[in-house]
Amino acid sequence: MGGVDLLDSMLGYYRIKIRSKKWYLRIFFHFIDMCVVNSSLLWRRHNKLHMSLADFKVAIADALCNSGKSALSRKCGRPNANLEHAYLEKTKRRPTAESPHVEVRKDGMDHLPEWRENERNRCRHPDCKYQSYIYCVKCQVPFCLNKDRNCYLRFHTE
């Protein structure tokens, strides 16, 4: 009783409002809404962070728009939680551009280095304190990339 009521109430908050005369499209969009709400509830149950349903839908849309690889070809294993925490702590110290989601960062598609002559910024890797002219084309984040340090590779693989 409580789960069905919670699902119905959360479905009403941010429903997909595409009107159609075709009955099967309405059912399809209703199923998509149900899947997103259920996954949001599961995510809240397993994570300590609170994320509103609107933010959760935005995160899903952003990850789907920026990813280009299927789920079957991704690497297996757990991500390094300490490294993720270090990236978040480094962005809290100073105002920076928003960091890409983990799914986008590790998808392995179209992450190419780009040299920007007039833009020199501090490397985004938490262990690095140097400045660099090299940016990731997809993530729009500066990284070190030379014979001594390869923060670019570590950011996209660790």
N, C-alpha and C. Protein backbone atom coordinates (compact mmCIF):
# COMPACT_ATOMS: atom_id res chain seq x y z
N MET A 1 0.82 -1.19 0.00
CA MET A 1 0.00 0.00 0.00
C MET A 1 0.86 1.26 0.00
N GLY A 2 1.90 1.31 0.86
CA GLY A 2 2.74 2.51 0.94
C GLY A 2 3.58 2.70 -0.30
N GLY A 3 4.06 1.62 -0.91
CA GLY A 3 4.90 1.74 -2.10
C GLY A 3 4.12 2.23 -3.30
N VAL A 4 2.90 1.73 -3.48
CA VAL A 4 2.07 2.14 -4.62
C VAL A 4 1.66 3.60 -4.47
N ASP A 5 1.29 4.00 -3.25
CA ASP A 5 0.91 5.39 -3.02
C ASP A 5 2.10 6.32 -3.25
N LEU A 6 3.26 5.91 -2.80
CA LEU A 6 4.47 6.73 -3.00
C LEU A 6 4.79 6.85 -4.49
N LEU A 7 4.67 5.75 -5.22
CA LEU A 7 4.93 5.78 -6.66
C LEU A 7 3.94 6.71 -7.37
N ASP A 8 2.66 6.59 -7.04
CA ASP A 8 1.66 7.44 -7.68
C ASP A 8 1.88 8.91 -7.37
N SER A 9 2.24 9.22 -6.12
CA SER A 9 2.44 10.62 -5.78
C SER A 9 3.68 11.18 -6.47
N MET A 10 4.74 10.38 -6.58
CA MET A 10 5.97 10.87 -7.23
C MET A 10 5.80 10.94 -8.75
N LEU A 11 4.93 10.09 -9.31
CA LEU A 11 4.67 10.17 -10.75
C LEU A 11 4.01 11.50 -11.11
N GLY A 12 3.23 12.05 -10.22
CA GLY A 12 2.53 13.29 -10.49
C GLY A 12 3.42 14.52 -10.47
N TYR A 13 4.60 14.43 -9.85
CA TYR A 13 5.48 15.61 -9.75
C TYR A 13 6.02 16.05 -11.10
N TYR A 14 6.69 15.16 -11.80
CA TYR A 14 7.37 15.51 -13.05
C TYR A 14 7.00 14.50 -14.13
N ARG A 15 5.75 14.46 -14.48
CA ARG A 15 5.26 13.53 -15.50
C ARG A 15 5.71 13.99 -16.89
N ILE A 16 5.99 13.05 -17.78
CA ILE A 16 6.30 13.39 -19.16
C ILE A 16 5.00 13.85 -19.81
N LYS A 17 4.96 15.10 -20.23
CA LYS A 17 3.71 15.68 -20.74
C LYS A 17 3.73 15.74 -22.26
N ILE A 18 3.71 14.60 -22.89
CA ILE A 18 3.60 14.52 -24.34
C ILE A 18 2.22 13.95 -24.65
N ARG A 19 1.40 14.76 -25.26
CA ARG A 19 0.04 14.32 -25.59
C ARG A 19 0.06 13.61 -26.93
N SER A 20 -0.67 12.52 -26.99
CA SER A 20 -0.73 11.75 -28.22
C SER A 20 -2.09 11.06 -28.32
N LYS A 21 -2.57 10.91 -29.53
CA LYS A 21 -3.81 10.17 -29.74
C LYS A 21 -3.57 8.67 -29.76
N LYS A 22 -2.31 8.29 -29.90
CA LYS A 22 -1.99 6.87 -29.94
C LYS A 22 -1.87 6.36 -28.50
N TRP A 23 -2.66 5.37 -28.17
CA TRP A 23 -2.73 4.88 -26.80
C TRP A 23 -1.43 4.24 -26.34
N TYR A 24 -0.73 3.60 -27.27
CA TYR A 24 0.49 2.89 -26.87
C TYR A 24 1.62 3.86 -26.53
N LEU A 25 1.63 5.07 -27.08
CA LEU A 25 2.65 6.05 -26.70
C LEU A 25 2.43 6.54 -25.27
N ARG A 26 1.18 6.74 -24.89
CA ARG A 26 0.90 7.15 -23.51
C ARG A 26 1.35 6.08 -22.52
N ILE A 27 1.11 4.83 -22.85
CA ILE A 27 1.54 3.74 -21.98
C ILE A 27 3.06 3.67 -21.92
N PHE A 28 3.71 3.86 -23.05
CA PHE A 28 5.17 3.82 -23.09
C PHE A 28 5.77 4.92 -22.21
N PHE A 29 5.26 6.14 -22.31
CA PHE A 29 5.79 7.23 -21.50
C PHE A 29 5.46 7.03 -20.02
N HIS A 30 4.33 6.42 -19.73
CA HIS A 30 4.00 6.12 -18.34
C HIS A 30 4.99 5.09 -17.77
N PHE A 31 5.34 4.08 -18.57
CA PHE A 31 6.33 3.09 -18.12
C PHE A 31 7.70 3.72 -17.92
N ILE A 32 8.08 4.65 -18.77
CA ILE A 32 9.36 5.34 -18.59
C ILE A 32 9.34 6.12 -17.28
N ASP A 33 8.24 6.83 -17.01
CA ASP A 33 8.12 7.56 -15.75
C ASP A 33 8.20 6.62 -14.56
N MET A 34 7.53 5.48 -14.64
CA MET A 34 7.56 4.52 -13.53
C MET A 34 8.97 3.99 -13.31
N CYS A 35 9.69 3.71 -14.38
CA CYS A 35 11.06 3.20 -14.25
C CYS A 35 11.97 4.23 -13.61
N VAL A 36 11.83 5.49 -14.00
CA VAL A 36 12.68 6.55 -13.45
C VAL A 36 12.38 6.76 -11.97
N VAL A 37 11.10 6.76 -11.59
CA VAL A 37 10.74 6.95 -10.19
C VAL A 37 11.22 5.78 -9.34
N ASN A 38 11.04 4.56 -9.83
CA ASN A 38 11.50 3.39 -9.09
C ASN A 38 13.02 3.38 -8.95
N SER A 39 13.72 3.75 -10.01
CA SER A 39 15.19 3.79 -9.90
C SER A 39 15.63 4.90 -8.96
N SER A 40 14.91 6.01 -8.93
CA SER A 40 15.22 7.08 -7.98
C SER A 40 15.04 6.61 -6.55
N LEU A 41 13.97 5.87 -6.30
CA LEU A 41 13.74 5.34 -4.94
C LEU A 41 14.82 4.33 -4.55
N LEU A 42 15.22 3.48 -5.49
CA LEU A 42 16.30 2.52 -5.20
C LEU A 42 17.62 3.24 -4.97
N TRP A 43 17.88 4.29 -5.74
CA TRP A 43 19.13 5.04 -5.58
C TRP A 43 19.16 5.71 -4.20
N ARG A 44 18.02 6.25 -3.76
CA ARG A 44 17.96 6.88 -2.43
C ARG A 44 18.18 5.85 -1.33
N ARG A 45 17.68 4.64 -1.55
CA ARG A 45 17.80 3.60 -0.54
C ARG A 45 19.25 3.15 -0.36
N HIS A 46 20.05 3.17 -1.44
CA HIS A 46 21.40 2.64 -1.38
C HIS A 46 22.48 3.71 -1.27
N ASN A 47 22.13 4.99 -1.36
CA ASN A 47 23.10 6.07 -1.25
C ASN A 47 22.71 7.00 -0.12
N LYS A 48 23.72 7.55 0.51
CA LYS A 48 23.47 8.46 1.64
C LYS A 48 23.05 9.85 1.16
N LEU A 49 23.45 10.23 -0.06
CA LEU A 49 23.13 11.56 -0.58
C LEU A 49 21.65 11.65 -0.94
N HIS A 50 21.07 12.82 -0.69
CA HIS A 50 19.68 13.05 -1.10
C HIS A 50 19.68 13.80 -2.42
N MET A 51 18.97 13.29 -3.38
CA MET A 51 18.84 13.93 -4.69
C MET A 51 17.36 13.97 -5.03
N SER A 52 16.87 15.15 -5.37
CA SER A 52 15.46 15.27 -5.71
C SER A 52 15.17 14.52 -7.02
N LEU A 53 13.91 14.28 -7.27
CA LEU A 53 13.53 13.55 -8.47
C LEU A 53 13.89 14.34 -9.73
N ALA A 54 13.74 15.66 -9.68
CA ALA A 54 14.10 16.49 -10.84
C ALA A 54 15.60 16.41 -11.12
N ASP A 55 16.43 16.49 -10.07
CA ASP A 55 17.88 16.38 -10.25
C ASP A 55 18.26 14.99 -10.75
N PHE A 56 17.55 13.97 -10.26
CA PHE A 56 17.83 12.60 -10.71
C PHE A 56 17.52 12.44 -12.20
N LYS A 57 16.40 13.02 -12.65
CA LYS A 57 16.05 12.95 -14.07
C LYS A 57 17.07 13.72 -14.92
N VAL A 58 17.55 14.85 -14.42
CA VAL A 58 18.55 15.62 -15.15
C VAL A 58 19.86 14.84 -15.24
N ALA A 59 20.24 14.17 -14.15
CA ALA A 59 21.48 13.38 -14.17
C ALA A 59 21.37 12.22 -15.16
N ILE A 60 20.21 11.57 -15.21
CA ILE A 60 20.00 10.48 -16.18
C ILE A 60 20.08 11.02 -17.60
N ALA A 61 19.42 12.13 -17.86
CA ALA A 61 19.42 12.70 -19.21
C ALA A 61 20.82 13.13 -19.62
N ASP A 62 21.56 13.73 -18.69
CA ASP A 62 22.93 14.17 -19.01
C ASP A 62 23.83 12.98 -19.31
N ALA A 63 23.72 11.94 -18.50
CA ALA A 63 24.55 10.75 -18.72
C ALA A 63 24.19 10.06 -20.03
N LEU A 64 22.91 10.00 -20.38
CA LEU A 64 22.50 9.37 -21.63
C LEU A 64 22.91 10.20 -22.84
N CYS A 65 22.85 11.51 -22.73
CA CYS A 65 23.22 12.37 -23.86
C CYS A 65 24.72 12.34 -24.14
N ASN A 66 25.52 12.24 -23.09
CA ASN A 66 26.97 12.32 -23.27
C ASN A 66 27.65 10.97 -23.40
N SER A 67 26.94 9.90 -23.18
CA SER A 67 27.59 8.59 -23.32
C SER A 67 27.37 8.08 -24.73
N GLY A 68 28.34 7.32 -25.21
CA GLY A 68 28.22 6.82 -26.57
C GLY A 68 28.48 5.34 -26.66
N LYS A 69 28.71 4.69 -25.56
CA LYS A 69 29.06 3.29 -25.56
C LYS A 69 27.95 2.48 -24.92
N SER A 70 27.76 1.27 -25.38
CA SER A 70 26.72 0.43 -24.79
C SER A 70 27.17 -0.08 -23.43
N ALA A 71 26.21 -0.54 -22.64
CA ALA A 71 26.51 -1.02 -21.29
C ALA A 71 27.30 -2.33 -21.32
N LEU A 72 27.25 -3.06 -22.42
CA LEU A 72 27.94 -4.35 -22.49
C LEU A 72 29.45 -4.19 -22.62
N SER A 73 29.92 -3.10 -23.18
CA SER A 73 31.35 -2.95 -23.41
C SER A 73 32.06 -2.17 -22.31
N ARG A 74 31.37 -1.82 -21.23
CA ARG A 74 32.01 -1.10 -20.13
C ARG A 74 32.85 -2.05 -19.30
N LYS A 75 33.81 -1.48 -18.60
CA LYS A 75 34.66 -2.29 -17.74
C LYS A 75 33.90 -2.70 -16.50
N CYS A 76 34.21 -3.89 -15.99
CA CYS A 76 33.57 -4.39 -14.79
C CYS A 76 34.37 -3.96 -13.57
N GLY A 77 33.75 -4.03 -12.43
CA GLY A 77 34.43 -3.71 -11.19
C GLY A 77 33.88 -2.46 -10.55
N ARG A 78 34.26 -2.27 -9.30
CA ARG A 78 33.76 -1.12 -8.56
C ARG A 78 34.67 0.07 -8.80
N PRO A 79 34.09 1.28 -8.90
CA PRO A 79 34.93 2.47 -9.03
C PRO A 79 35.60 2.79 -7.71
N ASN A 80 36.71 3.48 -7.80
CA ASN A 80 37.47 3.84 -6.61
C ASN A 80 36.75 5.00 -5.93
N ALA A 81 36.12 4.72 -4.78
CA ALA A 81 35.32 5.73 -4.09
C ALA A 81 36.21 6.84 -3.53
N ASN A 82 37.44 6.52 -3.12
CA ASN A 82 38.32 7.54 -2.57
C ASN A 82 38.69 8.57 -3.62
N LEU A 83 38.93 8.14 -4.85
CA LEU A 83 39.29 9.05 -5.92
C LEU A 83 38.11 9.95 -6.27
N GLU A 84 36.90 9.40 -6.30
CA GLU A 84 35.71 10.22 -6.57
C GLU A 84 35.55 11.29 -5.49
N HIS A 85 35.78 10.91 -4.24
CA HIS A 85 35.68 11.86 -3.14
C HIS A 85 36.73 12.95 -3.27
N ALA A 86 37.94 12.58 -3.71
CA ALA A 86 39.00 13.58 -3.88
C ALA A 86 38.67 14.56 -4.99
N TYR A 87 38.06 14.10 -6.07
CA TYR A 87 37.65 15.02 -7.15
C TYR A 87 36.61 16.01 -6.65
N LEU A 88 35.66 15.51 -5.87
CA LEU A 88 34.62 16.40 -5.35
C LEU A 88 35.20 17.40 -4.36
N GLU A 89 36.14 16.99 -3.53
CA GLU A 89 36.76 17.89 -2.56
C GLU A 89 37.56 18.98 -3.26
N LYS A 90 38.25 18.62 -4.36
CA LYS A 90 39.05 19.61 -5.07
C LYS A 90 38.16 20.68 -5.70
N THR A 91 36.98 20.29 -6.19
CA THR A 91 36.10 21.28 -6.79
C THR A 91 35.43 22.14 -5.73
N LYS A 92 35.35 21.68 -4.48
CA LYS A 92 34.72 22.49 -3.44
C LYS A 92 35.65 23.60 -2.95
N ARG A 93 36.97 23.46 -3.12
CA ARG A 93 37.91 24.46 -2.64
C ARG A 93 37.83 25.77 -3.38
N ARG A 94 37.50 25.70 -4.64
CA ARG A 94 37.50 26.93 -5.44
C ARG A 94 36.36 26.83 -6.45
N PRO A 95 35.87 27.95 -6.95
CA PRO A 95 34.81 27.88 -7.95
C PRO A 95 35.36 27.36 -9.27
N THR A 96 34.76 26.30 -9.77
CA THR A 96 35.22 25.69 -11.02
C THR A 96 34.03 25.37 -11.91
N ALA A 97 34.34 24.96 -13.12
CA ALA A 97 33.30 24.46 -14.01
C ALA A 97 32.82 23.11 -13.48
N GLU A 98 31.62 22.75 -13.79
CA GLU A 98 31.06 21.51 -13.28
C GLU A 98 31.77 20.32 -13.88
N SER A 99 32.10 19.35 -13.03
CA SER A 99 32.79 18.14 -13.47
C SER A 99 31.79 17.19 -14.11
N PRO A 100 32.19 16.44 -15.14
CA PRO A 100 31.25 15.51 -15.79
C PRO A 100 30.92 14.33 -14.88
N HIS A 101 29.80 13.68 -15.15
CA HIS A 101 29.40 12.52 -14.38
C HIS A 101 30.39 11.38 -14.60
N VAL A 102 30.40 10.46 -13.65
CA VAL A 102 31.34 9.33 -13.72
C VAL A 102 31.08 8.48 -14.95
N GLU A 103 29.81 8.29 -15.32
CA GLU A 103 29.49 7.47 -16.49
C GLU A 103 30.02 8.11 -17.76
N VAL A 104 29.96 9.41 -17.83
CA VAL A 104 30.47 10.13 -19.00
C VAL A 104 31.99 10.14 -19.00
N ARG A 105 32.56 10.34 -17.83
CA ARG A 105 34.01 10.44 -17.72
C ARG A 105 34.71 9.14 -18.11
N LYS A 106 34.09 8.01 -17.79
CA LYS A 106 34.74 6.72 -18.03
C LYS A 106 34.18 5.97 -19.22
N ASP A 107 33.40 6.62 -20.09
CA ASP A 107 32.79 5.89 -21.19
C ASP A 107 33.78 5.58 -22.32
N GLY A 108 34.91 6.25 -22.38
CA GLY A 108 35.93 5.93 -23.37
C GLY A 108 35.63 6.39 -24.77
N MET A 109 34.69 7.30 -24.94
CA MET A 109 34.30 7.77 -26.27
C MET A 109 34.60 9.26 -26.40
N ASP A 110 35.34 9.64 -27.41
CA ASP A 110 35.58 11.02 -27.81
C ASP A 110 36.29 11.86 -26.74
N HIS A 111 37.06 11.27 -25.88
CA HIS A 111 37.87 12.03 -24.93
C HIS A 111 39.23 12.27 -25.59
N LEU A 112 39.38 13.44 -26.19
CA LEU A 112 40.59 13.76 -26.91
C LEU A 112 41.25 14.99 -26.30
N PRO A 113 42.58 15.01 -26.22
CA PRO A 113 43.25 16.20 -25.69
C PRO A 113 43.28 17.32 -26.72
N GLU A 114 43.17 18.54 -26.22
CA GLU A 114 43.18 19.72 -27.08
C GLU A 114 44.07 20.78 -26.44
N TRP A 115 44.96 21.37 -27.23
CA TRP A 115 45.85 22.43 -26.76
C TRP A 115 45.16 23.78 -26.94
N ARG A 116 45.05 24.53 -25.84
CA ARG A 116 44.45 25.86 -25.88
C ARG A 116 45.51 26.87 -25.49
N GLU A 117 45.95 27.64 -26.45
CA GLU A 117 47.09 28.54 -26.28
C GLU A 117 46.86 29.59 -25.19
N ASN A 118 45.68 30.19 -25.16
CA ASN A 118 45.45 31.30 -24.25
C ASN A 118 44.77 30.90 -22.95
N GLU A 119 44.47 29.64 -22.76
CA GLU A 119 43.78 29.19 -21.56
C GLU A 119 44.68 28.25 -20.77
N ARG A 120 45.27 28.77 -19.72
CA ARG A 120 46.11 27.95 -18.86
C ARG A 120 45.44 27.90 -17.50
N ASN A 121 45.07 26.70 -17.08
CA ASN A 121 44.38 26.54 -15.80
C ASN A 121 45.01 25.41 -15.01
N ARG A 122 44.64 25.35 -13.74
CA ARG A 122 45.17 24.32 -12.85
C ARG A 122 44.57 22.96 -13.21
N CYS A 123 45.41 21.96 -13.16
CA CYS A 123 45.00 20.59 -13.47
C CYS A 123 43.91 20.15 -12.50
N ARG A 124 42.92 19.42 -12.99
CA ARG A 124 41.76 19.02 -12.20
C ARG A 124 42.03 17.80 -11.33
N HIS A 125 43.09 17.05 -11.61
CA HIS A 125 43.38 15.84 -10.83
C HIS A 125 43.72 16.24 -9.39
N PRO A 126 43.19 15.51 -8.38
CA PRO A 126 43.39 15.93 -6.99
C PRO A 126 44.83 15.90 -6.52
N ASP A 127 45.66 15.02 -7.07
CA ASP A 127 47.05 14.91 -6.61
C ASP A 127 47.98 15.90 -7.31
N CYS A 128 47.49 16.64 -8.28
CA CYS A 128 48.34 17.49 -9.10
C CYS A 128 48.08 18.96 -8.77
N LYS A 129 49.18 19.75 -8.71
CA LYS A 129 49.06 21.17 -8.41
C LYS A 129 49.64 22.03 -9.53
N TYR A 130 49.87 21.44 -10.69
CA TYR A 130 50.47 22.15 -11.81
C TYR A 130 49.40 22.77 -12.71
N GLN A 131 49.84 23.64 -13.62
CA GLN A 131 48.93 24.25 -14.58
C GLN A 131 49.21 23.68 -15.96
N SER A 132 48.15 23.66 -16.79
CA SER A 132 48.28 23.03 -18.08
C SER A 132 47.47 23.78 -19.13
N TYR A 133 47.89 23.64 -20.38
CA TYR A 133 47.18 24.19 -21.52
C TYR A 133 46.29 23.13 -22.18
N ILE A 134 46.36 21.89 -21.71
CA ILE A 134 45.67 20.78 -22.36
C ILE A 134 44.32 20.54 -21.70
N TYR A 135 43.28 20.47 -22.53
CA TYR A 135 41.91 20.25 -22.09
C TYR A 135 41.37 18.99 -22.74
N CYS A 136 40.40 18.35 -22.08
CA CYS A 136 39.66 17.27 -22.70
C CYS A 136 38.55 17.89 -23.54
N VAL A 137 38.42 17.46 -24.79
CA VAL A 137 37.44 18.04 -25.71
C VAL A 137 36.03 17.78 -25.21
N LYS A 138 35.75 16.58 -24.71
CA LYS A 138 34.40 16.22 -24.30
C LYS A 138 34.05 16.77 -22.91
N CYS A 139 34.99 16.64 -21.97
CA CYS A 139 34.71 17.05 -20.59
C CYS A 139 34.94 18.55 -20.35
N GLN A 140 35.73 19.20 -21.19
CA GLN A 140 36.09 20.61 -21.04
C GLN A 140 36.78 20.87 -19.69
N VAL A 141 37.75 19.99 -19.35
CA VAL A 141 38.46 20.07 -18.07
C VAL A 141 39.96 20.06 -18.37
N PRO A 142 40.75 20.92 -17.68
CA PRO A 142 42.21 20.94 -17.91
C PRO A 142 42.92 19.80 -17.18
N PHE A 143 43.96 19.25 -17.84
CA PHE A 143 44.77 18.17 -17.26
C PHE A 143 46.21 18.29 -17.70
N CYS A 144 47.11 17.70 -16.88
CA CYS A 144 48.51 17.59 -17.26
C CYS A 144 48.69 16.39 -18.18
N LEU A 145 49.52 16.56 -19.18
CA LEU A 145 49.80 15.47 -20.11
C LEU A 145 51.22 15.68 -20.63
N ASN A 146 52.18 15.07 -19.96
CA ASN A 146 53.57 15.14 -20.40
C ASN A 146 54.29 13.86 -19.98
N LYS A 147 55.60 13.82 -20.16
CA LYS A 147 56.32 12.56 -19.90
C LYS A 147 56.41 12.23 -18.41
N ASP A 148 56.27 13.22 -17.53
CA ASP A 148 56.35 12.98 -16.08
C ASP A 148 54.98 12.68 -15.46
N ARG A 149 53.95 13.37 -15.92
CA ARG A 149 52.62 13.22 -15.35
C ARG A 149 51.60 13.00 -16.47
N ASN A 150 50.69 12.06 -16.24
CA ASN A 150 49.61 11.84 -17.19
C ASN A 150 48.29 11.84 -16.42
N CYS A 151 47.93 13.02 -15.92
CA CYS A 151 46.68 13.17 -15.17
C CYS A 151 45.48 12.96 -16.09
N TYR A 152 45.65 13.24 -17.36
CA TYR A 152 44.59 13.07 -18.35
C TYR A 152 44.11 11.62 -18.39
N LEU A 153 45.06 10.70 -18.48
CA LEU A 153 44.73 9.27 -18.53
C LEU A 153 44.15 8.78 -17.20
N ARG A 154 44.74 9.23 -16.09
CA ARG A 154 44.26 8.79 -14.78
C ARG A 154 42.83 9.27 -14.53
N PHE A 155 42.47 10.47 -14.97
CA PHE A 155 41.12 10.98 -14.76
C PHE A 155 40.09 10.16 -15.50
N HIS A 156 40.42 9.70 -16.71
CA HIS A 156 39.44 8.99 -17.53
C HIS A 156 39.43 7.48 -17.30
N THR A 157 40.36 6.95 -16.50
CA THR A 157 40.38 5.50 -16.28
C THR A 157 40.18 5.11 -14.82
N GLU A 158 40.63 5.89 -13.87
CA GLU A 158 40.55 5.49 -12.45
C GLU A 158 39.17 5.73 -11.89
